Amino acid sequence: MKKAIVIGSGAGGAMAARMLAKNFDVTVLEAGGNFKPFSFSLDKLAMFRKTGIYFDERMIQLLLPSMRIDRDKDMVMVYGRGVGGTTTLATGNAVRADEGLKKIGINLDAEFEELNRELPITTDHQRYWNSITKQTFKVMQEMGLDPKPMPKLLRPNGCRMCGHCSIGCPTRAKWDVRELLDGINVVTNCRVSRIEIGDGKAKRVHATKGLQHLTFDADVVIVAAGGYGTPDILRASGIECEPRLFVDPVLCVAAPMEKARQDHQLLMPFVSMREKYIISPYMDWLSFFFNRKWYKPMDGMVSLMIKLADVEQGDVHHNKMQKKLTAMDHLRLQQGVDDCREVLLRMGAKKEDVFLGTLNAGHPGGMLPLTEAEAETLHSPLLPDNLYVCDASLLPQSLGLPPILTIMALAKRITKIIAES
């Protein structure tokens, strides 16, 4: 049987591996280890905030090794490294975000329909909303922000409403792509250094595992190391990427409200779609522990997230972000802040009590963007015939939306193309 090597076990890699396993002997190479959810008591950890012990966001990696943090002067990048990739740390949103793909002639209707049949996608979580979530939804309706329940990769009956969606669901009620990897050979803690290319084909993959140097021969190679990891691997293999990094920046706007208990709610239970950004309730744990402005008790504040579709310009080298927001990005963020502030004021907050969170991001992509010329093949001419990319690097424009479902739809289509060829 022919061999397929998949680099990365996130949304694109896991879906590609599951699909390819029908016709190939598949091995997945994952740079991180097996995922373990956050197991400490947040209430107990919160008791130490006033001591100043939490002074750098990168400290969270000591408690949650699968969460990786990169930081520059203006922004914090958060991404997953471990089996399941960032899907274990995402809030399980299942929205279609293929507007940019449609513009260049890529129709993924069939793949989205398949995903809707195969995955536990539901909005049947409204019955668990507490009073503050319902109030926020109502106020946003009255403001004409048109909030809609967020489709979730969720089995609601298993959800404990613990608020841990973004640090690891303890009950596995939130679906993630680890379920696609059952029965597939996954080599953990295996960091790919480069892909050896000769005679127009990817011949083998070079990697390290501890002190070992490993090589993997392959008939097909899939690079799905994420929009942050894939560019480094491609460049080390002699394939250049474009400095078009987008990151979908996130900024939370919060205010104190007694006994809100947003910390014990599903994260992002509903969403308001605006021009180039979305608004959604979100307890921002990164800001809560590491931003001095977030001094209120975790059960005594309400937080709204702005997720921005940023201008596609930036780069990443050796897992270091080179990204500056443009004047247009800042303008749109401010529009989002104004919207969120108005929501909080209508809910009873005082203007002087509203505060902002830490600007962070978690949806990197766009550095090997598809064009109209690749609408049928989904394969860049820069790549050897048997080497494919299956992650957000392919997306031609920023989303301002959760990308997991769209990446999986892309991976489905790409693996179908491989099977046909």
Protein backbone atom coordinates (compact mmCIF):
# COMPACT_ATOMS: atom_id res chain seq x y z
CA MET A 1 0.00 0.00 0.00
CA LYS A 2 1.26 3.51 -0.79
CA LYS A 3 2.42 5.70 2.09
CA ALA A 4 1.08 9.11 3.06
CA ILE A 5 2.81 11.35 5.58
CA VAL A 6 0.66 14.03 7.22
CA ILE A 7 2.52 16.79 9.09
CA GLY A 8 0.29 18.13 11.85
CA SER A 9 -2.77 16.71 13.60
CA GLY A 10 -5.03 19.76 13.75
CA ALA A 11 -8.23 20.40 11.79
CA GLY A 12 -6.71 19.96 8.33
CA GLY A 13 -4.20 17.25 9.18
CA ALA A 14 -6.60 15.04 11.12
CA MET A 15 -9.31 15.26 8.46
CA ALA A 16 -6.79 14.58 5.68
CA ALA A 17 -5.41 11.59 7.59
CA ARG A 18 -8.88 10.12 8.15
CA MET A 19 -9.79 10.50 4.47
CA LEU A 20 -6.44 9.22 3.13
CA ALA A 21 -6.55 6.16 5.38
CA LYS A 22 -9.06 4.63 2.96
CA ASN A 23 -6.34 4.26 0.30
CA PHE A 24 -2.98 4.86 2.01
CA ASP A 25 -0.87 3.69 4.89
CA VAL A 26 -0.99 6.96 6.85
CA THR A 27 1.46 8.27 9.43
CA VAL A 28 0.80 11.58 11.19
CA LEU A 29 3.78 13.52 12.55
CA GLU A 30 2.84 15.80 15.46
CA ALA A 31 5.34 18.26 16.99
CA GLY A 32 3.57 18.19 20.36
CA GLY A 33 2.44 15.50 22.73
CA ASN A 34 -0.93 14.05 23.66
CA PHE A 35 -3.36 16.71 24.80
CA LYS A 36 -4.35 16.99 28.45
CA PRO A 37 -7.01 19.52 29.50
CA PHE A 38 -6.32 22.15 32.14
CA SER A 39 -6.72 20.24 35.41
CA PHE A 40 -6.13 22.92 38.06
CA SER A 41 -8.85 24.80 39.93
CA LEU A 42 -9.25 28.21 38.32
CA ASP A 43 -10.76 29.55 41.56
CA LYS A 44 -7.62 28.59 43.50
CA LEU A 45 -5.29 29.98 40.86
CA ALA A 46 -7.25 33.23 40.86
CA MET A 47 -6.44 33.71 44.55
CA PHE A 48 -2.81 34.44 43.63
CA ARG A 49 -3.49 37.17 41.06
CA LYS A 50 -2.89 40.03 43.47
CA THR A 51 0.61 38.77 44.23
CA GLY A 52 1.76 39.62 40.70
CA ILE A 53 2.95 36.07 40.13
CA TYR A 54 1.20 35.98 36.73
CA PHE A 55 3.36 38.46 34.84
CA ASP A 56 3.84 36.89 31.39
CA GLU A 57 1.28 35.10 29.19
CA ARG A 58 3.88 32.50 28.25
CA MET A 59 3.69 31.14 31.81
CA ILE A 60 0.43 29.40 30.89
CA GLN A 61 2.49 26.84 28.98
CA LEU A 62 3.70 25.50 32.35
CA LEU A 63 0.14 24.49 33.19
CA LEU A 64 -1.14 23.75 29.69
CA PRO A 65 1.80 22.51 27.55
CA SER A 66 -0.32 22.20 24.40
CA MET A 67 -1.01 25.94 24.40
CA ARG A 68 1.81 27.85 22.75
CA ILE A 69 2.30 31.59 23.13
CA ASP A 70 4.24 33.97 20.91
CA ARG A 71 4.37 37.59 21.93
CA ASP A 72 5.49 40.80 20.29
CA LYS A 73 5.15 44.42 21.35
CA ASP A 74 1.54 44.80 20.22
CA MET A 75 -0.10 41.39 20.29
CA VAL A 76 -0.07 37.88 21.76
CA MET A 77 -0.40 34.86 19.46
CA VAL A 78 -2.07 31.75 20.91
CA TYR A 79 -2.00 28.40 19.12
CA GLY A 80 -2.06 24.70 19.90
CA ARG A 81 0.80 22.24 19.62
CA GLY A 82 -0.25 18.70 20.41
CA VAL A 83 -2.54 15.97 19.15
CA GLY A 84 -5.66 17.73 17.89
CA GLY A 85 -3.86 21.00 17.27
CA THR A 86 -5.78 24.14 18.15
CA THR A 87 -9.14 22.33 17.97
CA THR A 88 -8.61 21.15 21.57
CA LEU A 89 -8.30 24.79 22.69
CA ALA A 90 -10.88 26.38 20.38
CA THR A 91 -14.42 26.95 21.62
CA GLY A 92 -15.93 24.41 19.21
CA ASN A 93 -17.57 26.84 16.79
CA ALA A 94 -18.81 25.30 13.55
CA VAL A 95 -19.40 28.19 11.17
CA ARG A 96 -18.88 28.34 7.45
CA ALA A 97 -16.18 30.87 6.55
CA ASP A 98 -15.48 30.39 2.86
CA GLU A 99 -16.38 33.79 1.40
CA GLY A 100 -12.83 34.33 0.14
CA LEU A 101 -12.74 30.87 -1.43
CA LYS A 102 -16.05 31.48 -3.21
CA LYS A 103 -14.66 34.68 -4.71
CA ILE A 104 -11.97 32.71 -6.53
CA GLY A 105 -14.36 30.01 -7.72
CA ILE A 106 -14.02 27.31 -5.03
CA ASN A 107 -17.36 25.77 -4.07
CA LEU A 108 -17.25 23.49 -1.02
CA ASP A 109 -21.02 22.94 -0.65
CA ALA A 110 -20.70 19.15 -0.89
CA GLU A 111 -17.97 19.03 1.74
CA PHE A 112 -19.87 21.24 4.17
CA GLU A 113 -22.94 19.05 3.74
CA GLU A 114 -20.84 15.98 4.53
CA LEU A 115 -19.48 17.62 7.66
CA ASN A 116 -22.98 18.55 8.82
CA ARG A 117 -23.97 14.90 8.53
CA GLU A 118 -20.83 13.48 10.12
CA LEU A 119 -20.18 15.81 13.05
CA PRO A 120 -22.20 16.67 16.18
CA ILE A 121 -23.03 20.24 15.09
CA THR A 122 -25.80 21.81 17.16
CA THR A 123 -27.36 25.01 18.47
CA ASP A 124 -29.22 23.02 21.12
CA HIS A 125 -27.39 24.73 23.97
CA GLN A 126 -29.68 27.72 24.48
CA ARG A 127 -31.54 25.89 27.25
CA TYR A 128 -28.33 26.04 29.32
CA TRP A 129 -27.82 29.80 29.00
CA ASN A 130 -27.86 31.65 32.30
CA SER A 131 -29.62 34.96 32.94
CA ILE A 132 -26.65 37.15 31.97
CA THR A 133 -26.25 35.38 28.61
CA LYS A 134 -29.96 35.76 27.90
CA GLN A 135 -29.84 39.43 28.90
CA THR A 136 -26.84 40.08 26.64
CA PHE A 137 -28.61 38.38 23.74
CA LYS A 138 -31.76 40.47 24.30
CA VAL A 139 -29.88 43.78 24.53
CA MET A 140 -27.99 43.04 21.32
CA GLN A 141 -31.30 42.22 19.61
CA GLU A 142 -32.73 45.56 20.76
CA MET A 143 -29.66 47.33 19.35
CA GLY A 144 -30.16 45.73 15.95
CA LEU A 145 -26.95 43.70 16.20
CA ASP A 146 -28.86 40.59 15.07
CA PRO A 147 -27.27 37.97 17.36
CA LYS A 148 -27.63 34.30 16.35
CA PRO A 149 -26.97 31.15 18.40
CA MET A 150 -23.53 29.82 17.54
CA PRO A 151 -23.42 26.36 15.90
CA LYS A 152 -21.21 24.23 18.13
CA LEU A 153 -19.24 21.01 17.78
CA LEU A 154 -20.88 19.83 20.95
CA ARG A 155 -22.79 17.06 22.66
CA PRO A 156 -24.88 19.30 24.94
CA ASN A 157 -25.96 16.59 27.35
CA GLY A 158 -22.34 16.05 28.39
CA CYS A 159 -21.56 19.75 28.89
CA ARG A 160 -21.02 20.83 32.51
CA MET A 161 -21.00 24.57 31.70
CA CYS A 162 -17.61 24.84 33.39
CA GLY A 163 -16.32 27.57 31.07
CA HIS A 164 -13.21 25.57 30.20
CA CYS A 165 -13.92 25.37 26.45
CA SER A 166 -10.71 27.24 25.55
CA ILE A 167 -8.43 25.39 27.99
CA GLY A 168 -9.59 21.83 27.35
CA CYS A 169 -13.05 20.32 27.78
CA PRO A 170 -12.83 17.93 30.77
CA THR A 171 -15.77 15.76 29.65
CA ARG A 172 -15.07 15.59 25.88
CA ALA A 173 -18.58 17.02 25.36
CA LYS A 174 -16.88 19.47 22.98
CA TRP A 175 -15.90 17.56 19.86
CA ASP A 176 -12.38 17.95 18.54
CA VAL A 177 -10.45 16.27 15.74
CA ARG A 178 -8.72 13.74 17.98
CA GLU A 179 -11.78 11.58 17.28
CA LEU A 180 -10.76 11.46 13.62
CA LEU A 181 -7.37 9.98 14.53
CA ASP A 182 -8.63 6.77 16.16
CA GLY A 183 -6.76 3.84 14.58
CA ILE A 184 -4.25 6.07 12.76
CA ASN A 185 -0.52 5.98 13.53
CA VAL A 186 0.41 9.29 15.20
CA VAL A 187 4.06 9.95 16.07
CA THR A 188 4.08 12.56 18.86
CA ASN A 189 6.86 14.99 19.85
CA CYS A 190 8.15 14.66 16.28
CA ARG A 191 9.25 18.00 14.83
CA VAL A 192 9.58 18.18 11.07
CA SER A 193 12.63 20.10 9.89
CA ARG A 194 12.22 19.85 6.12
CA ILE A 195 10.83 17.89 3.20
CA GLU A 196 13.37 16.43 0.80
CA ILE A 197 12.42 17.22 -2.80
CA GLY A 198 13.94 15.73 -5.94
CA ASP A 199 12.87 15.24 -9.56
CA GLY A 200 9.82 17.40 -8.93
CA LYS A 201 8.51 15.22 -6.10
CA ALA A 202 8.52 15.14 -2.32
CA LYS A 203 10.59 12.04 -1.54
CA ARG A 204 10.87 11.95 2.22
CA VAL A 205 10.26 13.94 5.37
CA HIS A 206 13.07 14.75 7.81
CA ALA A 207 12.21 15.17 11.48
CA THR A 208 13.62 14.99 15.00
CA LYS A 209 12.20 13.21 18.01
CA GLY A 210 14.28 14.05 21.05
CA LEU A 211 17.88 13.39 20.03
CA GLN A 212 16.86 11.11 17.15
CA HIS A 213 16.89 12.14 13.52
CA LEU A 214 14.08 10.37 11.66
CA THR A 215 13.21 10.12 7.97
CA PHE A 216 9.89 9.03 6.51
CA ASP A 217 9.54 7.95 2.89
CA ALA A 218 6.26 8.93 1.28
CA ASP A 219 4.24 8.70 -1.90
CA VAL A 220 2.12 11.68 -0.78
CA VAL A 221 2.97 14.39 1.76
CA ILE A 222 0.39 16.65 3.41
CA VAL A 223 1.66 19.73 5.26
CA ALA A 224 -0.92 20.78 7.85
CA ALA A 225 1.23 22.33 10.56
CA GLY A 226 -1.08 25.35 10.75
CA GLY A 227 -0.81 28.86 9.40
CA TYR A 228 1.99 29.44 11.91
CA GLY A 229 4.03 26.26 11.39
CA THR A 230 3.59 25.42 7.71
CA PRO A 231 5.48 28.45 6.30
CA ASP A 232 8.65 27.53 8.22
CA ILE A 233 8.54 23.93 6.96
CA LEU A 234 7.95 24.98 3.37
CA ARG A 235 10.73 27.56 3.40
CA ALA A 236 13.18 25.06 4.91
CA SER A 237 12.25 22.80 1.96
CA GLY A 238 12.99 25.46 -0.65
CA ILE A 239 9.39 26.64 -1.17
CA GLU A 240 8.82 30.35 -0.59
CA CYS A 241 5.66 31.76 1.01
CA GLU A 242 4.04 35.17 0.72
CA PRO A 243 4.18 37.81 3.50
CA ARG A 244 0.38 37.88 3.72
CA LEU A 245 -0.08 36.64 7.29
CA PHE A 246 -3.48 37.27 8.81
CA VAL A 247 -4.23 36.40 12.43
CA ASP A 248 -7.88 37.38 13.17
CA PRO A 249 -7.04 39.58 16.20
CA VAL A 250 -9.21 39.32 19.32
CA LEU A 251 -9.93 42.09 21.81
CA CYS A 252 -12.34 41.72 24.71
CA VAL A 253 -14.34 44.54 26.27
CA ALA A 254 -15.53 43.90 29.82
CA ALA A 255 -17.30 45.48 32.78
CA PRO A 256 -18.00 44.41 36.38
CA MET A 257 -21.43 42.93 37.04
CA GLU A 258 -22.17 41.17 40.30
CA LYS A 259 -22.83 37.43 40.19
CA ALA A 260 -22.80 37.35 36.38
CA ARG A 261 -21.20 33.87 36.44
CA GLN A 262 -20.03 34.18 32.86
CA ASP A 263 -17.09 32.02 33.91
CA HIS A 264 -19.50 29.08 34.13
CA GLN A 265 -21.04 29.44 30.71
CA LEU A 266 -20.38 28.06 27.25
CA LEU A 267 -17.87 30.37 25.56
CA MET A 268 -19.19 32.19 22.50
CA PRO A 269 -22.80 30.95 22.84
CA PHE A 270 -24.04 33.37 20.18
CA VAL A 271 -22.56 35.70 17.59
CA SER A 272 -23.29 39.04 15.95
CA MET A 273 -21.84 39.39 12.44
CA ARG A 274 -20.61 42.91 11.70
CA GLU A 275 -18.63 44.38 8.79
CA LYS A 276 -15.19 42.72 9.06
CA TYR A 277 -15.63 41.65 12.70
CA ILE A 278 -17.86 39.64 14.99
CA ILE A 279 -19.02 40.14 18.59
CA SER A 280 -19.63 37.28 21.01
CA PRO A 281 -19.68 36.72 24.81
CA TYR A 282 -16.34 35.28 25.86
CA MET A 283 -14.59 34.86 29.19
CA ASP A 284 -11.02 35.82 28.32
CA TRP A 285 -8.83 33.69 30.59
CA LEU A 286 -5.62 35.10 29.12
CA SER A 287 -6.62 38.64 30.13
CA PHE A 288 -8.11 37.50 33.44
CA PHE A 289 -4.81 36.06 34.68
CA PHE A 290 -2.23 38.24 32.94
CA ASN A 291 -3.80 41.68 32.42
CA ARG A 292 -3.73 43.91 35.51
CA LYS A 293 -6.94 45.68 34.42
CA TRP A 294 -8.85 42.45 34.91
CA TYR A 295 -8.81 42.60 38.71
CA LYS A 296 -12.50 41.80 39.30
CA PRO A 297 -13.55 38.32 40.52
CA MET A 298 -14.13 35.86 37.70
CA ASP A 299 -17.82 35.50 38.60
CA GLY A 300 -18.31 39.26 38.73
CA MET A 301 -17.71 40.50 35.20
CA VAL A 302 -19.17 40.31 31.70
CA SER A 303 -16.83 40.14 28.71
CA LEU A 304 -17.57 40.56 25.00
CA MET A 305 -15.14 39.46 22.31
CA ILE A 306 -14.37 41.32 19.11
CA LYS A 307 -12.79 39.09 16.45
CA LEU A 308 -11.43 41.07 13.53
CA ALA A 309 -10.79 40.14 9.90
CA ASP A 310 -7.45 41.95 9.67
CA VAL A 311 -5.60 43.20 6.60
CA GLU A 312 -3.53 40.39 5.07
CA GLN A 313 0.01 41.62 5.62
CA GLY A 314 2.62 40.12 7.93
CA ASP A 315 4.99 37.22 8.21
CA VAL A 316 6.21 34.43 10.47
CA HIS A 317 9.79 33.18 10.70
CA HIS A 318 10.94 30.41 13.04
CA ASN A 319 7.66 30.59 14.97
CA LYS A 320 8.01 34.34 15.50
CA MET A 321 5.23 36.63 14.37
CA GLN A 322 6.00 39.76 12.39
CA LYS A 323 2.68 41.53 12.32
CA LYS A 324 1.53 45.13 12.64
CA LEU A 325 -2.11 46.11 12.52
CA THR A 326 -2.96 48.75 9.92
CA ALA A 327 -4.84 51.99 10.43
CA MET A 328 -7.91 50.27 8.95
CA ASP A 329 -7.55 47.40 11.44
CA HIS A 330 -7.43 49.85 14.34
CA LEU A 331 -10.46 51.73 12.99
CA ARG A 332 -12.53 48.55 12.78
CA LEU A 333 -11.41 47.42 16.22
CA GLN A 334 -12.53 50.75 17.62
CA GLN A 335 -15.93 50.31 15.96
CA GLY A 336 -16.19 46.96 17.71
CA VAL A 337 -15.18 48.47 21.04
CA ASP A 338 -17.86 51.15 20.66
CA ASP A 339 -20.49 48.49 19.92
CA CYS A 340 -19.46 46.38 22.93
CA ARG A 341 -19.31 49.37 25.25
CA GLU A 342 -22.85 50.34 24.27
CA VAL A 343 -24.09 46.79 24.97
CA LEU A 344 -22.50 46.82 28.43
CA LEU A 345 -23.88 50.29 29.25
CA ARG A 346 -27.40 49.16 28.31
CA MET A 347 -26.92 46.19 30.62
CA GLY A 348 -26.23 48.53 33.53
CA ALA A 349 -22.45 49.02 33.47
CA LYS A 350 -20.96 52.46 34.17
CA LYS A 351 -18.95 54.09 31.41
CA GLU A 352 -15.89 54.58 33.64
CA ASP A 353 -15.92 50.90 34.67
CA VAL A 354 -15.56 49.45 31.16
CA PHE A 355 -12.08 48.03 30.49
CA LEU A 356 -10.25 46.29 27.65
CA GLY A 357 -8.42 42.96 27.52
CA THR A 358 -5.13 41.90 25.98
CA LEU A 359 -4.98 42.06 22.20
CA ASN A 360 -4.37 38.51 21.07
CA ALA A 361 -4.84 36.32 18.02
CA GLY A 362 -5.26 32.67 17.18
CA HIS A 363 -6.22 32.13 13.52
CA PRO A 364 -2.97 32.54 11.54
CA GLY A 365 -3.06 31.84 7.82
CA GLY A 366 -2.82 33.19 4.31
CA MET A 367 0.85 32.69 3.42
CA LEU A 368 0.33 30.26 0.52
CA PRO A 369 -3.02 31.60 -0.70
CA LEU A 370 -5.01 29.87 -3.39
CA THR A 371 -5.89 31.83 -6.52
CA GLU A 372 -8.43 31.41 -9.31
CA ALA A 373 -5.83 29.41 -11.23
CA GLU A 374 -5.89 26.72 -8.50
CA ALA A 375 -9.66 26.64 -8.04
CA GLU A 376 -9.87 23.11 -9.44
CA THR A 377 -6.64 21.59 -8.13
CA LEU A 378 -6.33 23.37 -4.74
CA HIS A 379 -2.61 22.88 -5.35
CA SER A 380 -0.10 25.71 -5.63
CA PRO A 381 2.26 25.50 -8.64
CA LEU A 382 5.09 26.15 -6.16
CA LEU A 383 4.57 22.68 -4.70
CA PRO A 384 5.75 19.33 -6.08
CA ASP A 385 2.96 17.23 -7.59
CA ASN A 386 2.67 14.93 -4.56
CA LEU A 387 2.94 17.63 -1.88
CA TYR A 388 -0.21 19.37 -0.66
CA VAL A 389 -0.99 21.95 2.02
CA CYS A 390 -4.13 21.39 4.12
CA ASP A 391 -4.52 24.27 6.55
CA ALA A 392 -5.30 27.99 6.81
CA SER A 393 -2.17 28.86 4.83
CA LEU A 394 -4.33 28.32 1.72
CA LEU A 395 -7.01 30.85 2.62
CA PRO A 396 -6.91 33.88 0.33
CA GLN A 397 -8.31 36.36 2.85
CA SER A 398 -8.69 36.80 6.59
CA LEU A 399 -11.88 35.45 8.08
CA GLY A 400 -12.75 37.22 11.31
CA LEU A 401 -14.53 33.94 11.99
CA PRO A 402 -13.65 30.55 13.49
CA PRO A 403 -11.92 28.58 10.68
CA ILE A 404 -12.12 24.94 11.85
CA LEU A 405 -15.09 23.83 9.75
CA THR A 406 -13.76 25.54 6.62
CA ILE A 407 -10.29 23.99 7.01
CA MET A 408 -11.85 20.53 7.37
CA ALA A 409 -13.97 21.12 4.25
CA LEU A 410 -10.83 22.11 2.33
CA ALA A 411 -9.02 18.99 3.58
CA LYS A 412 -11.91 16.81 2.43
CA ARG A 413 -11.80 18.29 -1.07
CA ILE A 414 -8.01 18.02 -1.32
CA THR A 415 -7.97 14.36 -0.29
CA LYS A 416 -10.68 13.61 -2.86
CA ILE A 417 -8.48 15.20 -5.52
CA ILE A 418 -5.53 13.07 -4.36
CA ALA A 419 -7.63 9.90 -4.49
CA GLU A 420 -8.83 10.71 -8.01
CA SER A 421 -5.28 11.31 -9.27
